[in-house]
Each structure stands twice: as structure tokens, then as C-alpha cells.
Amino acid sequence: MKDVVLPEPRRATGGADFAEQDGRCNPAVPQSAAAANRRELSQVERAAKKQAIDDLNGVFKSTNVAIVAHYSGLTVAQMQVLRRQMKQAGAAVKVSKNRLAKIALEGTDVVSIGSLLKGPTVIATSDDPVAAPKVAVEFARTNERFVILGGAMGTTVLNLDGVKALASLPSLDELRGKLVGLIVAPATKLAQLTNAPAAKLARVVQAYASKGEAA
């Protein structure tokens, strides 16, 4: 009886379109498909980055003040507290990759904060130039891991002392309240004077006249 010689199994063809077969004898993913997946993923990532840059650029263009701080070591709960306090004051907190934030800063008044974006940074912004600094300074007092680096109010560069100086000022809402008080107060006094006796009214008018002459 002659020995039977079996032919060698044929190798899968397809050239560069297929990778080596895996140990389970199943064809691997075609290399062309894998490359296409990588290209698609790269396109999605680029689109997401562009959207993030555009969104940040819009924020930086519209804000009146931007404060930069390190937040390394803060817990998720502490960050949530910071965000809530900022929101209540009419401000907002942004955490982004520094490289993307620097690109988004181009063409804005607060572009100077780009030099502060090193390490784990957070950016607080607000239309009220006092709101974000006030919340940031107050939060830093009770959270030592939150370190204010500086910021910008429009084209004006702010160091730590500048941020603290802004934080010490009354907010726009407080200023509005004071202005309303100043406007309302004379009207109230005028109403009181019109109901006063003529002699008293004369004395008040003379007192204001004397004050004007002295000035």
C-alpha cells in the first residue's frame, strides 16, 4: 500500500488587506478597515477639539474678567461646591486642556492669562468683573489646595494682589443698590421738606446755599 501524501494547506490570500490569522483560526480585522477606523476616530477627536476651542473662545470674548487658579488635590465634592458658588454669583468655572485654552484665548482681551496656564488649572469667568474674583478669593480661604495664580480684567493683567483688590469691591448688584438708594433718598427728603413748616424749609434751603458758596 502506497503512502498517501496530503497536500499542504493553502495560505489565505489577500496581500496587505489582511493581517495574520489569530490563534483561533479566525481572520483578523482587515488592515484597511483598521486604518479607516483610526482615521474616523482621529476626525471625531479633531472635531471635538475644534468645538471645545470655539466654545471657549466665545466665553473668553464675552467675559469681563478671567481668574486662573491651580486646583490639584481638590475633591470632586469641593469642585462641585466651587461651581455652585460661582453659578450663584453669576460666574462660571471652566476646566480644559491648557493647550486648547491657549488657542481659544487668541484674539480675546484676556489673552494674557495664557502664560498662567501651566499644570492643573481652572479658569473662572464672569460678566461682573467682581463676581469671579470675589468667589475665588473666598473659596481659597477655606480650601488651601485652591491656589489663585492671577487673571485679567479685559486687557489689564492681574496678579494675586490685583485679584484680591477686585474681590474687595462691591459687586455690580451691590453698586446698583447703592445707586438706587442715592437716587431715592433725595426724593424722600424732598417730600418731607414740602410738608415741613415754611421756616424750617427756609433754613434747609439756606443751609444748602451756604454749603454751595463755601464749595
Protein backbone atom coordinates (compact mmCIF):
# COMPACT_ATOMS: atom_id res chain seq x y z
CA MET A 1 0.00 0.00 0.00
CA LYS A 2 1.41 3.35 -1.03
CA ASP A 3 1.81 6.16 1.45
CA VAL A 4 -0.74 8.87 0.89
CA VAL A 5 0.76 12.35 0.75
CA LEU A 6 -1.67 15.07 1.68
CA PRO A 7 -1.24 18.47 0.06
CA GLU A 8 -0.12 21.35 2.27
CA PRO A 9 -2.94 23.69 3.36
CA ARG A 10 -3.18 26.82 1.26
CA ARG A 11 -2.42 30.11 2.98
CA ALA A 12 -5.06 32.82 2.99
CA THR A 13 -4.53 35.35 0.25
CA GLY A 14 -5.35 39.00 0.16
CA GLY A 15 -1.96 40.66 0.49
CA ALA A 16 -1.90 43.74 2.66
CA ASP A 17 -5.66 43.69 3.17
CA PHE A 18 -5.44 41.02 5.87
CA ALA A 19 -3.35 40.66 8.98
CA GLU A 20 -2.05 37.31 10.20
CA GLN A 21 -4.70 34.88 11.38
CA ASP A 22 -5.15 34.65 15.12
CA GLY A 23 -4.76 31.52 17.22
CA ARG A 24 -8.46 30.66 16.86
CA CYS A 25 -8.17 30.32 13.09
CA ASN A 26 -10.42 33.37 12.58
CA PRO A 27 -9.26 36.02 10.13
CA ALA A 28 -8.03 39.17 11.85
CA VAL A 29 -9.63 42.54 11.10
CA PRO A 30 -8.57 43.72 7.65
CA GLN A 31 -5.78 46.25 7.91
CA SER A 32 -7.61 48.63 5.60
CA ALA A 33 -10.66 48.58 7.90
CA ALA A 34 -8.49 49.18 10.98
CA ALA A 35 -6.83 52.11 9.27
CA ALA A 36 -10.22 53.51 8.32
CA ASN A 37 -11.38 53.20 11.94
CA ARG A 38 -8.32 55.07 13.13
CA ARG A 39 -8.89 57.84 10.59
CA GLU A 40 -12.53 58.14 11.61
CA LEU A 41 -11.60 58.30 15.30
CA SER A 42 -8.99 60.94 14.57
CA GLN A 43 -11.55 63.02 12.68
CA VAL A 44 -14.01 62.77 15.57
CA GLU A 45 -11.33 63.85 18.03
CA ARG A 46 -10.35 66.81 15.84
CA ALA A 47 -13.99 67.86 15.53
CA ALA A 48 -14.47 67.62 19.30
CA LYS A 49 -11.33 69.68 19.94
CA LYS A 50 -12.41 72.33 17.45
CA GLN A 51 -15.82 72.56 19.10
CA ALA A 52 -14.21 72.89 22.54
CA ILE A 53 -11.92 75.65 21.27
CA ASP A 54 -14.81 77.51 19.64
CA ASP A 55 -16.90 77.28 22.83
CA LEU A 56 -14.03 78.55 25.00
CA ASN A 57 -13.25 81.33 22.56
CA GLY A 58 -16.85 82.52 22.81
CA VAL A 59 -16.61 82.56 26.62
CA PHE A 60 -13.30 84.45 26.62
CA LYS A 61 -14.56 87.03 24.12
CA SER A 62 -17.69 87.81 26.15
CA THR A 63 -16.24 87.80 29.66
CA ASN A 64 -15.11 90.92 31.52
CA VAL A 65 -12.77 89.08 33.87
CA ALA A 66 -10.94 85.75 33.93
CA ILE A 67 -9.25 84.27 37.00
CA VAL A 68 -6.79 81.36 36.84
CA ALA A 69 -6.08 79.02 39.75
CA HIS A 70 -4.46 75.65 40.44
CA TYR A 71 -6.91 73.07 41.76
CA SER A 72 -4.72 69.98 42.18
CA GLY A 73 -5.85 67.97 45.21
CA LEU A 74 -9.42 69.25 45.33
CA THR A 75 -12.04 66.54 45.64
CA VAL A 76 -14.96 66.17 43.27
CA ALA A 77 -17.25 67.41 46.05
CA GLN A 78 -15.13 70.53 46.56
CA MET A 79 -15.15 71.28 42.85
CA GLN A 80 -18.93 70.95 42.86
CA VAL A 81 -19.11 73.46 45.70
CA LEU A 82 -16.90 75.87 43.74
CA ARG A 83 -19.04 75.53 40.63
CA ARG A 84 -22.22 76.09 42.64
CA GLN A 85 -20.87 79.18 44.37
CA MET A 86 -19.67 80.62 41.08
CA LYS A 87 -23.02 79.98 39.43
CA GLN A 88 -24.90 81.63 42.30
CA ALA A 89 -22.71 84.72 41.88
CA GLY A 90 -23.28 84.84 38.12
CA ALA A 91 -19.85 83.41 37.29
CA ALA A 92 -18.69 80.14 35.73
CA VAL A 93 -15.80 77.68 36.02
CA LYS A 94 -14.02 76.13 33.05
CA VAL A 95 -11.58 73.21 33.15
CA SER A 96 -9.86 72.48 29.85
CA LYS A 97 -6.59 71.24 28.45
CA ASN A 98 -4.16 74.12 28.65
CA ARG A 99 -3.13 73.74 25.01
CA LEU A 100 -6.71 74.09 23.81
CA ALA A 101 -7.40 77.00 26.17
CA LYS A 102 -4.35 78.89 24.88
CA ILE A 103 -5.59 78.52 21.31
CA ALA A 104 -9.07 79.67 22.38
CA LEU A 105 -7.58 82.78 24.02
CA GLU A 106 -6.18 84.08 20.74
CA GLY A 107 -7.89 87.26 19.60
CA THR A 108 -9.53 87.97 23.00
CA ASP A 109 -8.92 90.74 25.54
CA VAL A 110 -7.95 88.24 28.25
CA VAL A 111 -5.25 86.55 26.15
CA SER A 112 -2.66 87.45 28.81
CA ILE A 113 -3.82 84.63 31.11
CA GLY A 114 -2.28 82.16 28.67
CA SER A 115 1.05 82.46 30.48
CA LEU A 116 -0.63 81.22 33.67
CA LEU A 117 -1.95 78.02 32.12
CA LYS A 118 0.58 75.53 33.43
CA GLY A 119 -0.34 72.37 35.29
CA PRO A 120 -3.86 71.56 36.52
CA THR A 121 -5.61 74.91 36.11
CA VAL A 122 -9.18 76.11 36.36
CA ILE A 123 -10.50 79.33 34.81
CA ALA A 124 -13.29 81.35 36.43
CA THR A 125 -15.08 83.96 34.31
CA SER A 126 -17.88 86.46 34.83
CA ASP A 127 -19.51 89.47 33.20
CA ASP A 128 -19.42 91.25 36.56
CA PRO A 129 -15.68 91.99 37.00
CA VAL A 130 -16.04 91.47 40.74
CA ALA A 131 -18.09 88.24 40.86
CA ALA A 132 -15.48 85.66 39.84
CA PRO A 133 -12.63 87.22 41.89
CA LYS A 134 -14.83 87.52 44.97
CA VAL A 135 -15.91 83.86 44.89
CA ALA A 136 -12.38 82.67 44.04
CA VAL A 137 -10.77 84.56 46.92
CA GLU A 138 -13.41 83.43 49.40
CA PHE A 139 -13.12 79.81 48.25
CA ALA A 140 -9.31 79.93 48.53
CA ARG A 141 -9.59 80.98 52.18
CA THR A 142 -11.22 77.70 53.13
CA ASN A 143 -9.52 75.45 50.56
CA GLU A 144 -5.75 75.71 50.67
CA ARG A 145 -5.34 73.47 47.61
CA PHE A 146 -7.11 76.08 45.52
CA VAL A 147 -4.28 78.48 44.64
CA ILE A 148 -5.08 81.68 42.73
CA LEU A 149 -2.36 82.49 40.17
CA GLY A 150 -3.72 85.71 38.69
CA GLY A 151 -6.03 86.74 35.90
CA ALA A 152 -7.12 89.53 33.60
CA MET A 153 -9.82 92.18 33.59
CA GLY A 154 -10.14 92.96 29.93
CA THR A 155 -6.66 93.81 28.71
CA THR A 156 -5.50 94.59 32.26
CA VAL A 157 -3.25 91.88 33.70
CA LEU A 158 -3.99 90.92 37.29
CA ASN A 159 -1.59 89.36 39.76
CA LEU A 160 -2.78 87.81 43.03
CA ASP A 161 -2.98 91.21 44.75
CA GLY A 162 -4.99 92.58 41.82
CA VAL A 163 -7.47 89.71 42.10
CA LYS A 164 -7.82 90.33 45.83
CA ALA A 165 -8.33 94.06 45.24
CA LEU A 166 -11.18 93.33 42.83
CA ALA A 167 -12.67 90.86 45.31
CA SER A 168 -12.81 93.57 47.97
CA LEU A 169 -15.01 95.82 45.81
CA PRO A 170 -18.81 95.72 45.91
CA SER A 171 -20.44 93.68 43.18
CA LEU A 172 -22.47 95.31 40.42
CA ASP A 173 -25.68 94.31 42.19
CA GLU A 174 -24.45 95.95 45.39
CA LEU A 175 -23.45 99.08 43.48
CA ARG A 176 -26.85 99.20 41.79
CA GLY A 177 -28.49 99.00 45.19
CA LYS A 178 -26.40 101.88 46.50
CA LEU A 179 -27.12 103.99 43.42
CA VAL A 180 -30.83 103.37 43.79
CA GLY A 181 -30.52 104.41 47.41
CA LEU A 182 -28.80 107.64 46.42
CA ILE A 183 -31.46 108.39 43.85
CA VAL A 184 -34.37 107.59 46.14
CA ALA A 185 -33.03 109.36 49.20
CA PRO A 186 -33.27 112.96 47.89
CA ALA A 187 -36.84 112.36 46.72
CA THR A 188 -37.81 111.18 50.19
CA LYS A 189 -36.17 114.16 51.81
CA LEU A 190 -37.87 116.48 49.35
CA ALA A 191 -41.26 115.04 50.24
CA GLN A 192 -40.51 115.60 53.91
CA LEU A 193 -39.46 119.16 53.25
CA THR A 194 -42.57 120.05 51.30
CA ASN A 195 -44.64 119.03 54.30
CA ALA A 196 -42.48 120.97 56.73
CA PRO A 197 -43.28 124.48 58.06
CA ALA A 198 -42.10 127.38 55.93
CA ALA A 199 -39.50 128.47 58.49
CA LYS A 200 -37.88 125.01 58.53
CA LEU A 201 -37.89 124.87 54.74
CA ALA A 202 -36.19 128.26 54.57
CA ARG A 203 -33.48 127.15 56.99
CA VAL A 204 -32.76 124.00 54.94
CA VAL A 205 -32.58 125.95 51.68
CA GLN A 206 -30.26 128.50 53.28
CA ALA A 207 -28.03 125.73 54.59
CA TYR A 208 -27.66 124.20 51.13
CA ALA A 209 -26.99 127.63 49.66
CA SER A 210 -24.27 128.37 52.24
CA LYS A 211 -22.67 124.98 51.50
CA GLY A 212 -22.64 125.79 47.80
CA GLU A 213 -20.97 129.16 48.36
CA ALA A 214 -18.32 127.57 50.56
CA ALA A 215 -17.54 124.99 47.84
